[in-house]
Amino acid sequence: MTPQDCPKCHAELERSGELKRHCESCNSDFNIEITCHQCGDVLQRLKACGAVSFWCNNCNEQKSKSTAVYTFIEQ
């Protein structure tokens, strides 16, 4: 299963919003929760000039999108 696969049926997810995904196969909708790999707190999303990074209020530091933990939560 890749990060863009449905957690329920493993079909490819379609983007349905900035932090939302939809599975046509099982008709499920998911929100994406992005958390810190060190402390587990939800990260604040930072966007500037097309680049995306994150801020962790608990660790008080910037996090890259490659270290963030992405979790699909069914709506």
Protein backbone atom coordinates (compact mmCIF):
# COMPACT_ATOMS: atom_id res chain seq x y z
CA MET A 1 0.00 0.00 0.00
CA THR A 2 1.40 3.41 -0.99
CA PRO A 3 0.51 6.68 0.77
CA GLN A 4 -2.02 7.43 -1.98
CA ASP A 5 -3.81 4.08 -1.66
CA CYS A 6 -7.14 3.64 0.12
CA PRO A 7 -6.64 2.25 3.64
CA LYS A 8 -9.85 0.18 3.24
CA CYS A 9 -9.60 -1.40 -0.23
CA HIS A 10 -6.10 -0.36 -1.44
CA ALA A 11 -7.42 1.29 -4.63
CA GLU A 12 -5.86 4.57 -5.74
CA LEU A 13 -7.26 7.65 -3.97
CA GLU A 14 -8.39 10.75 -5.84
CA ARG A 15 -7.76 14.26 -4.57
CA SER A 16 -11.03 15.90 -3.51
CA GLY A 17 -9.61 18.93 -1.70
CA GLU A 18 -6.35 20.20 -0.28
CA LEU A 19 -6.33 17.72 2.61
CA LYS A 20 -9.09 15.41 1.42
CA ARG A 21 -9.09 12.21 -0.65
CA HIS A 22 -11.88 10.09 -2.16
CA CYS A 23 -11.92 6.41 -3.13
CA GLU A 24 -14.16 5.64 -6.10
CA SER A 25 -13.80 1.90 -5.53
CA CYS A 26 -15.38 1.76 -2.04
CA ASN A 27 -16.97 5.25 -2.11
CA SER A 28 -15.10 6.40 1.01
CA ASP A 29 -13.91 9.90 1.88
CA PHE A 30 -10.83 10.66 3.97
CA ASN A 31 -9.30 13.69 5.68
CA ILE A 32 -5.53 13.79 5.89
CA GLU A 33 -4.08 14.48 9.33
CA ILE A 34 -0.43 15.55 9.35
CA THR A 35 1.49 14.97 12.58
CA CYS A 36 5.04 15.41 13.85
CA HIS A 37 7.27 12.34 13.62
CA GLN A 38 8.92 13.23 16.95
CA CYS A 39 6.08 14.20 19.29
CA GLY A 40 2.89 13.20 17.42
CA ASP A 41 1.22 16.63 17.61
CA VAL A 42 -0.78 17.91 14.64
CA LEU A 43 1.38 20.18 12.48
CA GLN A 44 0.52 23.66 11.29
CA ARG A 45 0.79 23.93 7.51
CA LEU A 46 3.02 26.70 6.08
CA LYS A 47 2.77 27.68 2.40
CA ALA A 48 4.93 30.26 0.64
CA CYS A 49 5.69 30.69 -3.06
CA GLY A 50 4.43 27.18 -3.85
CA ALA A 51 6.58 25.47 -1.22
CA VAL A 52 4.93 23.58 1.65
CA SER A 53 6.47 22.93 5.05
CA PHE A 54 5.10 22.50 8.56
CA TRP A 55 5.51 23.97 12.02
CA CYS A 56 5.31 21.94 15.22
CA ASN A 57 4.18 24.07 18.15
CA ASN A 58 5.21 21.40 20.66
CA CYS A 59 8.79 20.97 19.34
CA ASN A 60 8.91 24.69 18.40
CA GLU A 61 10.58 23.98 15.06
CA GLN A 62 9.91 23.74 11.35
CA LYS A 63 9.37 20.25 9.87
CA SER A 64 9.74 19.16 6.26
CA LYS A 65 6.95 17.34 4.44
CA SER A 66 9.24 14.30 4.09
CA THR A 67 9.41 13.84 7.88
CA ALA A 68 5.71 14.52 8.53
CA VAL A 69 3.42 11.56 9.27
CA TYR A 70 0.31 11.43 7.07
CA THR A 71 -2.76 9.60 8.41
CA PHE A 72 -6.01 9.05 6.51
CA ILE A 73 -9.08 9.50 8.74
CA GLU A 74 -12.39 8.34 7.32
CA GLN A 75 -15.16 10.95 7.38
